[in-house]
Amino acid sequence: MEYIVCPRCRIGWVDKPYTIERYQHSGLAAAAHRALRAEHPSVAWHTGSGHVSSSKAFWVKVGDGVEGGYLPRKFCPHVARHGGVLPDWLLKQRGDL
């Protein structure tokens, strides 16, 4: 699983949750999402990309009752296109602070 959290916007994005086939449908990915939410309380969770048809049921299940619902959402201006929170000096230079 890959994720990024913007501390300014209190938004997190999760992508590419993957469990090897032998352990799929055993709840490991859902447990990883719960642990991530516990580590980052009061963050709305989304994905940075669209949901492929075979994973839509998964996202609905793990998103039930979660602020943001793991719906696709573009990165905020504080997060680089390929992940990572941008440094304050760059945000000031760009006028985003």
PDB file of N, CA and C in Angstrom:
ATOM      1  N   MET A   1       0.844  -1.159   0.000  1.00  0.00           N
ATOM      2  CA  MET A   1       0.000   0.000   0.000  1.00  0.00           C
ATOM      3  C   MET A   1       0.898   1.232   0.000  1.00  0.00           C
ATOM      4  N   GLU A   2       0.521   2.203  -0.809  1.00  0.00           N
ATOM      5  CA  GLU A   2       1.218   3.480  -0.839  1.00  0.00           C
ATOM      6  C   GLU A   2       0.255   4.537  -0.314  1.00  0.00           C
ATOM      7  N   TYR A   3       0.787   5.488   0.472  1.00  0.00           N
ATOM      8  CA  TYR A   3      -0.078   6.546   0.975  1.00  0.00           C
ATOM      9  C   TYR A   3       0.710   7.822   1.186  1.00  0.00           C
ATOM     10  N   ILE A   4      -0.023   8.926   1.235  1.00  0.00           N
ATOM     11  CA  ILE A   4       0.539  10.242   1.542  1.00  0.00           C
ATOM     12  C   ILE A   4      -0.533  10.996   2.322  1.00  0.00           C
ATOM     13  N   VAL A   5      -0.097  11.755   3.327  1.00  0.00           N
ATOM     14  CA  VAL A   5      -1.015  12.565   4.127  1.00  0.00           C
ATOM     15  C   VAL A   5      -0.561  14.013   4.052  1.00  0.00           C
ATOM     16  N   CYS A   6      -1.488  14.912   3.756  1.00  0.00           N
ATOM     17  CA  CYS A   6      -1.195  16.341   3.792  1.00  0.00           C
ATOM     18  C   CYS A   6      -1.579  16.850   5.178  1.00  0.00           C
ATOM     19  N   PRO A   7      -0.594  17.233   5.989  1.00  0.00           N
ATOM     20  CA  PRO A   7      -0.921  17.706   7.343  1.00  0.00           C
ATOM     21  C   PRO A   7      -1.673  19.031   7.339  1.00  0.00           C
ATOM     22  N   ARG A   8      -1.525  19.818   6.289  1.00  0.00           N
ATOM     23  CA  ARG A   8      -2.234  21.101   6.217  1.00  0.00           C
ATOM     24  C   ARG A   8      -3.723  20.906   5.950  1.00  0.00           C
ATOM     25  N   CYS A   9      -4.047  20.047   5.003  1.00  0.00           N
ATOM     26  CA  CYS A   9      -5.441  19.831   4.597  1.00  0.00           C
ATOM     27  C   CYS A   9      -6.125  18.716   5.387  1.00  0.00           C
ATOM     28  N   ARG A  10      -5.346  17.919   6.110  1.00  0.00           N
ATOM     29  CA  ARG A  10      -5.869  16.754   6.849  1.00  0.00           C
ATOM     30  C   ARG A  10      -6.577  15.784   5.903  1.00  0.00           C
ATOM     31  N   ILE A  11      -5.922  15.558   4.751  1.00  0.00           N
ATOM     32  CA  ILE A  11      -6.421  14.616   3.753  1.00  0.00           C
ATOM     33  C   ILE A  11      -5.324  13.587   3.501  1.00  0.00           C
ATOM     34  N   GLY A  12      -5.729  12.333   3.388  1.00  0.00           N
ATOM     35  CA  GLY A  12      -4.797  11.267   3.050  1.00  0.00           C
ATOM     36  C   GLY A  12      -5.250  10.577   1.784  1.00  0.00           C
ATOM     37  N   TRP A  13      -4.283  10.114   1.013  1.00  0.00           N
ATOM     38  CA  TRP A  13      -4.555   9.365  -0.216  1.00  0.00           C
ATOM     39  C   TRP A  13      -3.879   8.014  -0.105  1.00  0.00           C
ATOM     40  N   VAL A  14      -4.603   6.973  -0.470  1.00  0.00           N
ATOM     41  CA  VAL A  14      -4.084   5.609  -0.439  1.00  0.00           C
ATOM     42  C   VAL A  14      -4.235   5.022  -1.834  1.00  0.00           C
ATOM     43  N   ASP A  15      -3.219   4.330  -2.273  1.00  0.00           N
ATOM     44  CA  ASP A  15      -3.276   3.637  -3.557  1.00  0.00           C
ATOM     45  C   ASP A  15      -2.525   2.316  -3.461  1.00  0.00           C
ATOM     46  N   LYS A  16      -2.810   1.473  -4.384  1.00  0.00           N
ATOM     47  CA  LYS A  16      -2.117   0.194  -4.569  1.00  0.00           C
ATOM     48  C   LYS A  16      -2.096  -0.711  -3.338  1.00  0.00           C
ATOM     49  N   PRO A  17      -3.255  -0.901  -2.686  1.00  0.00           N
ATOM     50  CA  PRO A  17      -3.256  -1.899  -1.619  1.00  0.00           C
ATOM     51  C   PRO A  17      -3.163  -3.266  -2.287  1.00  0.00           C
ATOM     52  N   TYR A  18      -2.234  -4.053  -1.885  1.00  0.00           N
ATOM     53  CA  TYR A  18      -2.055  -5.340  -2.546  1.00  0.00           C
ATOM     54  C   TYR A  18      -1.687  -6.399  -1.523  1.00  0.00           C
ATOM     55  N   THR A  19      -2.308  -7.523  -1.647  1.00  0.00           N
ATOM     56  CA  THR A  19      -1.992  -8.692  -0.842  1.00  0.00           C
ATOM     57  C   THR A  19      -1.731  -9.829  -1.816  1.00  0.00           C
ATOM     58  N   ILE A  20      -0.676 -10.588  -1.590  1.00  0.00           N
ATOM     59  CA  ILE A  20      -0.411 -11.701  -2.508  1.00  0.00           C
ATOM     60  C   ILE A  20      -1.618 -12.636  -2.524  1.00  0.00           C
ATOM     61  N   GLU A  21      -1.804 -13.293  -3.634  1.00  0.00           N
ATOM     62  CA  GLU A  21      -3.015 -14.069  -3.879  1.00  0.00           C
ATOM     63  C   GLU A  21      -3.341 -15.047  -2.753  1.00  0.00           C
ATOM     64  N   ARG A  22      -2.331 -15.665  -2.207  1.00  0.00           N
ATOM     65  CA  ARG A  22      -2.529 -16.659  -1.142  1.00  0.00           C
ATOM     66  C   ARG A  22      -3.284 -16.068   0.058  1.00  0.00           C
ATOM     67  N   TYR A  23      -3.103 -14.769   0.325  1.00  0.00           N
ATOM     68  CA  TYR A  23      -3.713 -14.135   1.495  1.00  0.00           C
ATOM     69  C   TYR A  23      -4.864 -13.191   1.153  1.00  0.00           C
ATOM     70  N   GLN A  24      -5.235 -13.112  -0.120  1.00  0.00           N
ATOM     71  CA  GLN A  24      -6.342 -12.240  -0.492  1.00  0.00           C
ATOM     72  C   GLN A  24      -7.636 -12.746   0.132  1.00  0.00           C
ATOM     73  N   HIS A  25      -8.532 -11.819   0.432  1.00  0.00           N
ATOM     74  CA  HIS A  25      -9.840 -12.100   1.035  1.00  0.00           C
ATOM     75  C   HIS A  25      -9.714 -12.623   2.464  1.00  0.00           C
ATOM     76  N   SER A  26      -8.587 -12.317   3.125  1.00  0.00           N
ATOM     77  CA  SER A  26      -8.422 -12.727   4.517  1.00  0.00           C
ATOM     78  C   SER A  26      -8.489 -11.538   5.475  1.00  0.00           C
ATOM     79  N   GLY A  27      -8.718 -10.344   4.936  1.00  0.00           N
ATOM     80  CA  GLY A  27      -8.854  -9.169   5.781  1.00  0.00           C
ATOM     81  C   GLY A  27      -7.571  -8.402   6.044  1.00  0.00           C
ATOM     82  N   LEU A  28      -6.457  -8.820   5.438  1.00  0.00           N
ATOM     83  CA  LEU A  28      -5.189  -8.137   5.688  1.00  0.00           C
ATOM     84  C   LEU A  28      -5.187  -6.696   5.177  1.00  0.00           C
ATOM     85  N   ALA A  29      -5.691  -6.480   3.976  1.00  0.00           N
ATOM     86  CA  ALA A  29      -5.699  -5.118   3.419  1.00  0.00           C
ATOM     87  C   ALA A  29      -6.619  -4.213   4.233  1.00  0.00           C
ATOM     88  N   ALA A  30      -7.764  -4.721   4.638  1.00  0.00           N
ATOM     89  CA  ALA A  30      -8.680  -3.928   5.468  1.00  0.00           C
ATOM     90  C   ALA A  30      -8.025  -3.603   6.809  1.00  0.00           C
ATOM     91  N   ALA A  31      -7.293  -4.559   7.376  1.00  0.00           N
ATOM     92  CA  ALA A  31      -6.589  -4.323   8.647  1.00  0.00           C
ATOM     93  C   ALA A  31      -5.501  -3.265   8.467  1.00  0.00           C
ATOM     94  N   ALA A  32      -4.826  -3.283   7.339  1.00  0.00           N
ATOM     95  CA  ALA A  32      -3.792  -2.277   7.072  1.00  0.00           C
ATOM     96  C   ALA A  32      -4.419  -0.887   6.980  1.00  0.00           C
ATOM     97  N   HIS A  33      -5.581  -0.791   6.362  1.00  0.00           N
ATOM     98  CA  HIS A  33      -6.275   0.499   6.285  1.00  0.00           C
ATOM     99  C   HIS A  33      -6.707   0.972   7.671  1.00  0.00           C
ATOM    100  N   ARG A  34      -7.201   0.070   8.496  1.00  0.00           N
ATOM    101  CA  ARG A  34      -7.594   0.453   9.864  1.00  0.00           C
ATOM    102  C   ARG A  34      -6.380   0.958  10.643  1.00  0.00           C
ATOM    103  N   ALA A  35      -5.239   0.274  10.512  1.00  0.00           N
ATOM    104  CA  ALA A  35      -4.023   0.689  11.214  1.00  0.00           C
ATOM    105  C   ALA A  35      -3.558   2.063  10.735  1.00  0.00           C
ATOM    106  N   LEU A  36      -3.655   2.305   9.446  1.00  0.00           N
ATOM    107  CA  LEU A  36      -3.258   3.599   8.893  1.00  0.00           C
ATOM    108  C   LEU A  36      -4.163   4.714   9.412  1.00  0.00           C
ATOM    109  N   ARG A  37      -5.462   4.450   9.475  1.00  0.00           N
ATOM    110  CA  ARG A  37      -6.389   5.459  10.003  1.00  0.00           C
ATOM    111  C   ARG A  37      -6.132   5.707  11.481  1.00  0.00           C
ATOM    112  N   ALA A  38      -5.796   4.676  12.231  1.00  0.00           N
ATOM    113  CA  ALA A  38      -5.485   4.842  13.655  1.00  0.00           C
ATOM    114  C   ALA A  38      -4.218   5.674  13.845  1.00  0.00           C
ATOM    115  N   GLU A  39      -3.256   5.500  12.950  1.00  0.00           N
ATOM    116  CA  GLU A  39      -2.005   6.254  13.020  1.00  0.00           C
ATOM    117  C   GLU A  39      -2.210   7.721  12.645  1.00  0.00           C
ATOM    118  N   HIS A  40      -3.216   7.996  11.833  1.00  0.00           N
ATOM    119  CA  HIS A  40      -3.507   9.356  11.363  1.00  0.00           C
ATOM    120  C   HIS A  40      -4.973   9.686  11.637  1.00  0.00           C
ATOM    121  N   PRO A  41      -5.337   9.923  12.906  1.00  0.00           N
ATOM    122  CA  PRO A  41      -6.745  10.206  13.215  1.00  0.00           C
ATOM    123  C   PRO A  41      -7.181  11.552  12.635  1.00  0.00           C
ATOM    124  N   SER A  42      -8.446  11.689  12.438  1.00  0.00           N
ATOM    125  CA  SER A  42      -9.097  12.896  11.893  1.00  0.00           C
ATOM    126  C   SER A  42      -8.561  13.322  10.532  1.00  0.00           C
ATOM    127  N   VAL A  43      -8.246  12.339   9.705  1.00  0.00           N
ATOM    128  CA  VAL A  43      -7.840  12.576   8.322  1.00  0.00           C
ATOM    129  C   VAL A  43      -8.927  11.992   7.425  1.00  0.00           C
ATOM    130  N   ALA A  44      -9.331  12.737   6.405  1.00  0.00           N
ATOM    131  CA  ALA A  44     -10.268  12.222   5.400  1.00  0.00           C
ATOM    132  C   ALA A  44      -9.458  11.425   4.390  1.00  0.00           C
ATOM    133  N   TRP A  45      -9.903  10.228   4.071  1.00  0.00           N
ATOM    134  CA  TRP A  45      -9.140   9.327   3.202  1.00  0.00           C
ATOM    135  C   TRP A  45      -9.751   9.210   1.815  1.00  0.00           C
ATOM    136  N   HIS A  46      -8.884   9.270   0.825  1.00  0.00           N
ATOM    137  CA  HIS A  46      -9.267   9.162  -0.583  1.00  0.00           C
ATOM    138  C   HIS A  46      -8.242   8.287  -1.299  1.00  0.00           C
ATOM    139  N   THR A  47      -8.473   8.082  -2.577  1.00  0.00           N
ATOM    140  CA  THR A  47      -7.463   7.464  -3.430  1.00  0.00           C
ATOM    141  C   THR A  47      -7.028   8.513  -4.447  1.00  0.00           C
ATOM    142  N   GLY A  48      -5.808   8.371  -4.925  1.00  0.00           N
ATOM    143  CA  GLY A  48      -5.289   9.321  -5.902  1.00  0.00           C
ATOM    144  C   GLY A  48      -5.565   8.913  -7.326  1.00  0.00           C
ATOM    145  N   SER A  49      -6.113   7.731  -7.502  1.00  0.00           N
ATOM    146  CA  SER A  49      -6.398   7.252  -8.853  1.00  0.00           C
ATOM    147  C   SER A  49      -7.802   6.666  -8.882  1.00  0.00           C
ATOM    148  N   GLY A  50      -8.249   6.321 -10.049  1.00  0.00           N
ATOM    149  CA  GLY A  50      -9.565   5.704 -10.176  1.00  0.00           C
ATOM    150  C   GLY A  50      -9.553   4.273  -9.656  1.00  0.00           C
ATOM    151  N   HIS A  51     -10.732   3.738  -9.469  1.00  0.00           N
ATOM    152  CA  HIS A  51     -10.859   2.366  -8.991  1.00  0.00           C
ATOM    153  C   HIS A  51     -11.128   1.450 -10.181  1.00  0.00           C
ATOM    154  N   VAL A  52     -10.299   0.433 -10.337  1.00  0.00           N
ATOM    155  CA  VAL A  52     -10.562  -0.537 -11.394  1.00  0.00           C
ATOM    156  C   VAL A  52     -11.797  -1.342 -11.002  1.00  0.00           C
ATOM    157  N   SER A  53     -12.516  -1.834 -11.970  1.00  0.00           N
ATOM    158  CA  SER A  53     -13.792  -2.498 -11.700  1.00  0.00           C
ATOM    159  C   SER A  53     -13.655  -3.665 -10.729  1.00  0.00           C
ATOM    160  N   SER A  54     -12.550  -4.385 -10.778  1.00  0.00           N
ATOM    161  CA  SER A  54     -12.391  -5.541  -9.896  1.00  0.00           C
ATOM    162  C   SER A  54     -12.144  -5.143  -8.439  1.00  0.00           C
ATOM    163  N   SER A  55     -11.823  -3.874  -8.178  1.00  0.00           N
ATOM    164  CA  SER A  55     -11.544  -3.453  -6.799  1.00  0.00           C
ATOM    165  C   SER A  55     -12.636  -2.569  -6.200  1.00  0.00           C
ATOM    166  N   LYS A  56     -13.677  -2.269  -6.957  1.00  0.00           N
ATOM    167  CA  LYS A  56     -14.711  -1.352  -6.460  1.00  0.00           C
ATOM    168  C   LYS A  56     -15.372  -1.863  -5.183  1.00  0.00           C
ATOM    169  N   ALA A  57     -15.660  -3.142  -5.112  1.00  0.00           N
ATOM    170  CA  ALA A  57     -16.285  -3.711  -3.905  1.00  0.00           C
ATOM    171  C   ALA A  57     -15.358  -3.566  -2.698  1.00  0.00           C
ATOM    172  N   PHE A  58     -14.063  -3.755  -2.901  1.00  0.00           N
ATOM    173  CA  PHE A  58     -13.101  -3.581  -1.817  1.00  0.00           C
ATOM    174  C   PHE A  58     -13.148  -2.162  -1.273  1.00  0.00           C
ATOM    175  N   TRP A  59     -13.083  -1.147  -2.169  1.00  0.00           N
ATOM    176  CA  TRP A  59     -13.066   0.243  -1.741  1.00  0.00           C
ATOM    177  C   TRP A  59     -14.363   0.617  -1.036  1.00  0.00           C
ATOM    178  N   VAL A  60     -15.489   0.091  -1.492  1.00  0.00           N
ATOM    179  CA  VAL A  60     -16.766   0.356  -0.824  1.00  0.00           C
ATOM    180  C   VAL A  60     -16.732  -0.219   0.587  1.00  0.00           C
ATOM    181  N   LYS A  61     -16.220  -1.425   0.714  1.00  0.00           N
ATOM    182  CA  LYS A  61     -16.180  -2.087   2.024  1.00  0.00           C
ATOM    183  C   LYS A  61     -15.254  -1.351   2.995  1.00  0.00           C
ATOM    184  N   VAL A  62     -14.024  -1.051   2.599  1.00  0.00           N
ATOM    185  CA  VAL A  62     -13.098  -0.395   3.527  1.00  0.00           C
ATOM    186  C   VAL A  62     -13.466   1.070   3.747  1.00  0.00           C
ATOM    187  N   GLY A  63     -14.228   1.659   2.824  1.00  0.00           N
ATOM    188  CA  GLY A  63     -14.609   3.056   2.952  1.00  0.00           C
ATOM    189  C   GLY A  63     -15.881   3.297   3.737  1.00  0.00           C
ATOM    190  N   ASP A  64     -16.576   2.225   4.109  1.00  0.00           N
ATOM    191  CA  ASP A  64     -17.824   2.366   4.848  1.00  0.00           C
ATOM    192  C   ASP A  64     -17.571   3.035   6.199  1.00  0.00           C
ATOM    193  N   GLY A  65     -18.188   4.199   6.400  1.00  0.00           N
ATOM    194  CA  GLY A  65     -18.046   4.923   7.655  1.00  0.00           C
ATOM    195  C   GLY A  65     -16.763   5.726   7.797  1.00  0.00           C
ATOM    196  N   VAL A  66     -15.949   5.773   6.744  1.00  0.00           N
ATOM    197  CA  VAL A  66     -14.678   6.501   6.769  1.00  0.00           C
ATOM    198  C   VAL A  66     -14.870   7.858   6.112  1.00  0.00           C
ATOM    199  N   GLU A  67     -14.450   8.917   6.803  1.00  0.00           N
ATOM    200  CA  GLU A  67     -14.550  10.246   6.194  1.00  0.00           C
ATOM    201  C   GLU A  67     -13.754  10.257   4.891  1.00  0.00           C
ATOM    202  N   GLY A  68     -14.359  10.696   3.835  1.00  0.00           N
ATOM    203  CA  GLY A  68     -13.738  10.670   2.510  1.00  0.00           C
ATOM    204  C   GLY A  68     -14.137   9.441   1.720  1.00  0.00           C
ATOM    205  N   GLY A  69     -14.393   8.335   2.415  1.00  0.00           N
ATOM    206  CA  GLY A  69     -14.887   7.110   1.790  1.00  0.00           C
ATOM    207  C   GLY A  69     -13.966   6.478   0.768  1.00  0.00           C
ATOM    208  N   TYR A  70     -12.694   6.859   0.747  1.00  0.00           N
ATOM    209  CA  TYR A  70     -11.733   6.350  -0.234  1.00  0.00           C
ATOM    210  C   TYR A  70     -12.195   6.592  -1.670  1.00  0.00           C
ATOM    211  N   LEU A  71     -12.924   7.678  -1.869  1.00  0.00           N
ATOM    212  CA  LEU A  71     -13.305   8.050  -3.225  1.00  0.00           C
ATOM    213  C   LEU A  71     -12.122   8.721  -3.906  1.00  0.00           C
ATOM    214  N   PRO A  72     -12.012   8.589  -5.223  1.00  0.00           N
ATOM    215  CA  PRO A  72     -10.899   9.248  -5.926  1.00  0.00           C
ATOM    216  C   PRO A  72     -10.948  10.766  -5.728  1.00  0.00           C
ATOM    217  N   ARG A  73      -9.787  11.364  -5.514  1.00  0.00           N
ATOM    218  CA  ARG A  73      -9.677  12.811  -5.343  1.00  0.00           C
ATOM    219  C   ARG A  73      -8.287  13.245  -5.776  1.00  0.00           C
ATOM    220  N   LYS A  74      -8.215  14.375  -6.464  1.00  0.00           N
ATOM    221  CA  LYS A  74      -6.918  14.901  -6.882  1.00  0.00           C
ATOM    222  C   LYS A  74      -6.128  15.355  -5.661  1.00  0.00           C
ATOM    223  N   PHE A  75      -4.804  15.354  -5.798  1.00  0.00           N
ATOM    224  CA  PHE A  75      -3.950  15.838  -4.717  1.00  0.00           C
ATOM    225  C   PHE A  75      -4.194  17.322  -4.485  1.00  0.00           C
ATOM    226  N   CYS A  76      -4.049  17.747  -3.239  1.00  0.00           N
ATOM    227  CA  CYS A  76      -4.128  19.164  -2.911  1.00  0.00           C
ATOM    228  C   CYS A  76      -2.848  19.845  -3.420  1.00  0.00           C
ATOM    229  N   PRO A  77      -2.782  21.181  -3.404  1.00  0.00           N
ATOM    230  CA  PRO A  77      -1.584  21.865  -3.929  1.00  0.00           C
ATOM    231  C   PRO A  77      -0.319  21.654  -3.093  1.00  0.00           C
ATOM    232  N   HIS A  78      -0.473  21.106  -1.877  1.00  0.00           N
ATOM    233  CA  HIS A  78       0.682  20.889  -1.004  1.00  0.00           C
ATOM    234  C   HIS A  78       1.406  19.573  -1.280  1.00  0.00           C
ATOM    235  N   VAL A  79       0.796  18.731  -2.083  1.00  0.00           N
ATOM    236  CA  VAL A  79       1.345  17.402  -2.348  1.00  0.00           C
ATOM    237  C   VAL A  79       1.831  17.335  -3.792  1.00  0.00           C
ATOM    238  N   ALA A  80       3.031  16.819  -3.974  1.00  0.00           N
ATOM    239  CA  ALA A  80       3.601  16.675  -5.309  1.00  0.00           C
ATOM    240  C   ALA A  80       2.791  15.666  -6.114  1.00  0.00           C
ATOM    241  N   ARG A  81       2.817  15.814  -7.397  1.00  0.00           N
ATOM    242  CA  ARG A  81       2.061  14.926  -8.289  1.00  0.00           C
ATOM    243  C   ARG A  81       2.388  13.461  -8.063  1.00  0.00           C
ATOM    244  N   HIS A  82       3.632  13.153  -7.753  1.00  0.00           N
ATOM    245  CA  HIS A  82       4.050  11.760  -7.550  1.00  0.00           C
ATOM    246  C   HIS A  82       4.226  11.434  -6.074  1.00  0.00           C
ATOM    247  N   GLY A  83       3.535  12.164  -5.215  1.00  0.00           N
ATOM    248  CA  GLY A  83       3.582  11.896  -3.785  1.00  0.00           C
ATOM    249  C   GLY A  83       4.634  12.726  -3.092  1.00  0.00           C
ATOM    250  N   GLY A  84       4.480  12.885  -1.804  1.00  0.00           N
ATOM    251  CA  GLY A  84       5.394  13.679  -1.001  1.00  0.00           C
ATOM    252  C   GLY A  84       4.832  15.066  -0.762  1.00  0.00           C
ATOM    253  N   VAL A  85       4.931  15.529   0.475  1.00  0.00           N
ATOM    254  CA  VAL A  85       4.470  16.870   0.812  1.00  0.00           C
ATOM    255  C   VAL A  85       5.567  17.849   0.426  1.00  0.00           C
ATOM    256  N   LEU A  86       5.192  18.885  -0.291  1.00  0.00           N
ATOM    257  CA  LEU A  86       6.163  19.863  -0.769  1.00  0.00           C
ATOM    258  C   LEU A  86       6.695  20.705   0.394  1.00  0.00           C
ATOM    259  N   PRO A  87       7.959  21.099   0.350  1.00  0.00           N
ATOM    260  CA  PRO A  87       8.536  21.922   1.425  1.00  0.00           C
ATOM    261  C   PRO A  87       7.955  23.333   1.421  1.00  0.00           C
ATOM    262  N   ASP A  88       7.943  23.946   2.606  1.00  0.00           N
ATOM    263  CA  ASP A  88       7.375  25.296   2.736  1.00  0.00           C
ATOM    264  C   ASP A  88       8.008  26.300   1.775  1.00  0.00           C
ATOM    265  N   TRP A  89       9.331  26.218   1.577  1.00  0.00           N
ATOM    266  CA  TRP A  89       9.988  27.204   0.711  1.00  0.00           C
ATOM    267  C   TRP A  89       9.443  27.140  -0.713  1.00  0.00           C
ATOM    268  N   LEU A  90       9.153  25.932  -1.188  1.00  0.00           N
ATOM    269  CA  LEU A  90       8.626  25.791  -2.546  1.00  0.00           C
ATOM    270  C   LEU A  90       7.176  26.267  -2.611  1.00  0.00           C
ATOM    271  N   LEU A  91       6.394  25.948  -1.573  1.00  0.00           N
ATOM    272  CA  LEU A  91       5.002  26.393  -1.554  1.00  0.00           C
ATOM    273  C   LEU A  91       4.935  27.920  -1.530  1.00  0.00           C
ATOM    274  N   LYS A  92       5.830  28.562  -0.766  1.00  0.00           N
ATOM    275  CA  LYS A  92       5.872  30.033  -0.732  1.00  0.00           C
ATOM    276  C   LYS A  92       6.269  30.591  -2.097  1.00  0.00           C
ATOM    277  N   GLN A  93       7.244  29.942  -2.724  1.00  0.00           N
ATOM    278  CA  GLN A  93       7.710  30.390  -4.042  1.00  0.00           C
ATOM    279  C   GLN A  93       6.574  30.286  -5.068  1.00  0.00           C
ATOM    280  N   ARG A  94       5.775  29.237  -4.968  1.00  0.00           N
ATOM    281  CA  ARG A  94       4.663  29.034  -5.888  1.00  0.00           C
ATOM    282  C   ARG A  94       3.438  29.868  -5.526  1.00  0.00           C
ATOM    283  N   GLY A  95       3.427  30.426  -4.300  1.00  0.00           N
ATOM    284  CA  GLY A  95       2.295  31.224  -3.855  1.00  0.00           C
ATOM    285  C   GLY A  95       1.181  30.408  -3.236  1.00  0.00           C
ATOM    286  N   ASP A  96       1.473  29.162  -2.855  1.00  0.00           N
ATOM    287  CA  ASP A  96       0.460  28.298  -2.248  1.00  0.00           C
ATOM    288  C   ASP A  96       0.395  28.421  -0.735  1.00  0.00           C
ATOM    289  N   LEU A  97       1.249  29.247  -0.138  1.00  0.00           N
ATOM    290  CA  LEU A  97       1.201  29.468   1.320  1.00  0.00           C
ATOM    291  C   LEU A  97       0.848  30.885   1.614  1.00  0.00           C
TER     292      LEU A  97
END
